[in-house]
Amino acid sequence: MQEKEARALKESGNLSNIVIQRSGDNRGWTVKLVTYNGDDQMLNSKRSKDPRVFKTADAAFRCCQRLGVTVATVDL
């Protein structure tokens, strides 16, 4: 899911939680979007379907702010 779609999900009220977690290779941070119906999706980059990897947790938090999210969970 791209930022534009994630913003629409947030505005529709279907977004339950956002989880910022370490990427699988521990080279950065990813953002997982959790919906009320249990359909978890990763925030994707614009050019591929791979999960978007942020170099720092702060960059991931700034992305969440752009989406309009005020509360996020960090999973170490």
C-alpha atoms as a PDB file:
ATOM      1  CA  MET A   1       0.000   0.000   0.000  1.00  0.00           C
ATOM      2  CA  GLN A   2       1.391   3.387  -0.950  1.00  0.00           C
ATOM      3  CA  GLU A   3       1.189   6.590   1.110  1.00  0.00           C
ATOM      4  CA  LYS A   4      -1.775   7.897  -0.869  1.00  0.00           C
ATOM      5  CA  GLU A   5      -3.798   4.747  -0.204  1.00  0.00           C
ATOM      6  CA  ALA A   6      -2.725   4.682   3.449  1.00  0.00           C
ATOM      7  CA  ARG A   7      -3.875   8.279   3.919  1.00  0.00           C
ATOM      8  CA  ALA A   8      -7.274   7.352   2.448  1.00  0.00           C
ATOM      9  CA  LEU A   9      -7.462   4.352   4.804  1.00  0.00           C
ATOM     10  CA  LYS A  10      -6.751   6.624   7.778  1.00  0.00           C
ATOM     11  CA  GLU A  11      -9.333   9.191   6.681  1.00  0.00           C
ATOM     12  CA  SER A  12     -11.986   6.500   6.238  1.00  0.00           C
ATOM     13  CA  GLY A  13     -11.538   5.394   9.864  1.00  0.00           C
ATOM     14  CA  ASN A  14     -10.546   1.814   9.019  1.00  0.00           C
ATOM     15  CA  LEU A  15      -6.970   2.078  10.319  1.00  0.00           C
ATOM     16  CA  SER A  16      -6.626   0.449  13.726  1.00  0.00           C
ATOM     17  CA  ASN A  17      -2.910   0.863  14.428  1.00  0.00           C
ATOM     18  CA  ILE A  18       0.450   1.562  12.839  1.00  0.00           C
ATOM     19  CA  VAL A  19       3.461  -0.501  13.838  1.00  0.00           C
ATOM     20  CA  ILE A  20       7.009   0.646  13.094  1.00  0.00           C
ATOM     21  CA  GLN A  21       9.304  -2.368  13.105  1.00  0.00           C
ATOM     22  CA  ARG A  22      12.788  -3.434  12.104  1.00  0.00           C
ATOM     23  CA  SER A  23      13.078  -4.677   8.540  1.00  0.00           C
ATOM     24  CA  GLY A  24      13.825  -8.342   7.929  1.00  0.00           C
ATOM     25  CA  ASP A  25      17.497  -7.719   7.181  1.00  0.00           C
ATOM     26  CA  ASN A  26      17.883  -5.212  10.078  1.00  0.00           C
ATOM     27  CA  ARG A  27      19.014  -2.482   7.682  1.00  0.00           C
ATOM     28  CA  GLY A  28      16.173  -0.109   8.472  1.00  0.00           C
ATOM     29  CA  TRP A  29      12.578   0.308   9.574  1.00  0.00           C
ATOM     30  CA  THR A  30       9.260  -0.597   7.953  1.00  0.00           C
ATOM     31  CA  VAL A  31       5.712   0.612   8.583  1.00  0.00           C
ATOM     32  CA  LYS A  32       2.899  -1.927   9.014  1.00  0.00           C
ATOM     33  CA  LEU A  33      -0.698  -0.747   8.729  1.00  0.00           C
ATOM     34  CA  VAL A  34      -3.185  -2.708  10.834  1.00  0.00           C
ATOM     35  CA  THR A  35      -6.865  -2.399   9.927  1.00  0.00           C
ATOM     36  CA  TYR A  36      -9.922  -3.214  12.016  1.00  0.00           C
ATOM     37  CA  ASN A  37     -10.785  -6.216   9.837  1.00  0.00           C
ATOM     38  CA  GLY A  38      -7.371  -7.802  10.523  1.00  0.00           C
ATOM     39  CA  ASP A  39      -5.900  -7.117   7.094  1.00  0.00           C
ATOM     40  CA  ASP A  40      -2.291  -6.091   7.855  1.00  0.00           C
ATOM     41  CA  GLN A  41      -0.392  -4.440   5.015  1.00  0.00           C
ATOM     42  CA  MET A  42       3.064  -2.974   4.669  1.00  0.00           C
ATOM     43  CA  LEU A  43       3.706   0.518   3.370  1.00  0.00           C
ATOM     44  CA  ASN A  44       5.243   0.051  -0.084  1.00  0.00           C
ATOM     45  CA  SER A  45       7.539   2.219  -2.129  1.00  0.00           C
ATOM     46  CA  LYS A  46       6.142   3.914  -5.212  1.00  0.00           C
ATOM     47  CA  ARG A  47       8.213   1.955  -7.703  1.00  0.00           C
ATOM     48  CA  SER A  48       7.885  -1.591  -6.409  1.00  0.00           C
ATOM     49  CA  LYS A  49       5.670  -3.826  -4.320  1.00  0.00           C
ATOM     50  CA  ASP A  50       8.465  -4.401  -1.788  1.00  0.00           C
ATOM     51  CA  PRO A  51       7.990  -2.879   1.665  1.00  0.00           C
ATOM     52  CA  ARG A  52       9.394   0.611   1.969  1.00  0.00           C
ATOM     53  CA  VAL A  53      12.485   0.636   4.194  1.00  0.00           C
ATOM     54  CA  PHE A  54      13.361   3.792   6.114  1.00  0.00           C
ATOM     55  CA  LYS A  55      16.975   4.262   7.228  1.00  0.00           C
ATOM     56  CA  THR A  56      15.973   5.641  10.635  1.00  0.00           C
ATOM     57  CA  ALA A  57      12.991   5.232  12.922  1.00  0.00           C
ATOM     58  CA  ASP A  58      12.646   9.024  12.886  1.00  0.00           C
ATOM     59  CA  ALA A  59      12.076   8.954   9.118  1.00  0.00           C
ATOM     60  CA  ALA A  60       9.370   6.317   9.602  1.00  0.00           C
ATOM     61  CA  PHE A  61       7.694   8.508  12.244  1.00  0.00           C
ATOM     62  CA  ARG A  62       7.754  11.518   9.907  1.00  0.00           C
ATOM     63  CA  CYS A  63       6.026   9.403   7.257  1.00  0.00           C
ATOM     64  CA  CYS A  64       3.337   8.490   9.802  1.00  0.00           C
ATOM     65  CA  GLN A  65       2.833  12.181  10.541  1.00  0.00           C
ATOM     66  CA  ARG A  66       2.343  12.858   6.828  1.00  0.00           C
ATOM     67  CA  LEU A  67      -0.367  10.184   6.873  1.00  0.00           C
ATOM     68  CA  GLY A  68      -2.122  12.029   9.695  1.00  0.00           C
ATOM     69  CA  VAL A  69      -1.367   9.445  12.367  1.00  0.00           C
ATOM     70  CA  THR A  70      -0.722  10.717  15.893  1.00  0.00           C
ATOM     71  CA  VAL A  71      -0.037   7.401  17.658  1.00  0.00           C
ATOM     72  CA  ALA A  72       2.211   4.565  16.468  1.00  0.00           C
ATOM     73  CA  THR A  73       3.654   1.466  18.101  1.00  0.00           C
ATOM     74  CA  VAL A  74       7.341   0.549  17.853  1.00  0.00           C
ATOM     75  CA  ASP A  75       8.161  -3.152  17.665  1.00  0.00           C
ATOM     76  CA  LEU A  76      11.830  -3.832  18.404  1.00  0.00           C
END
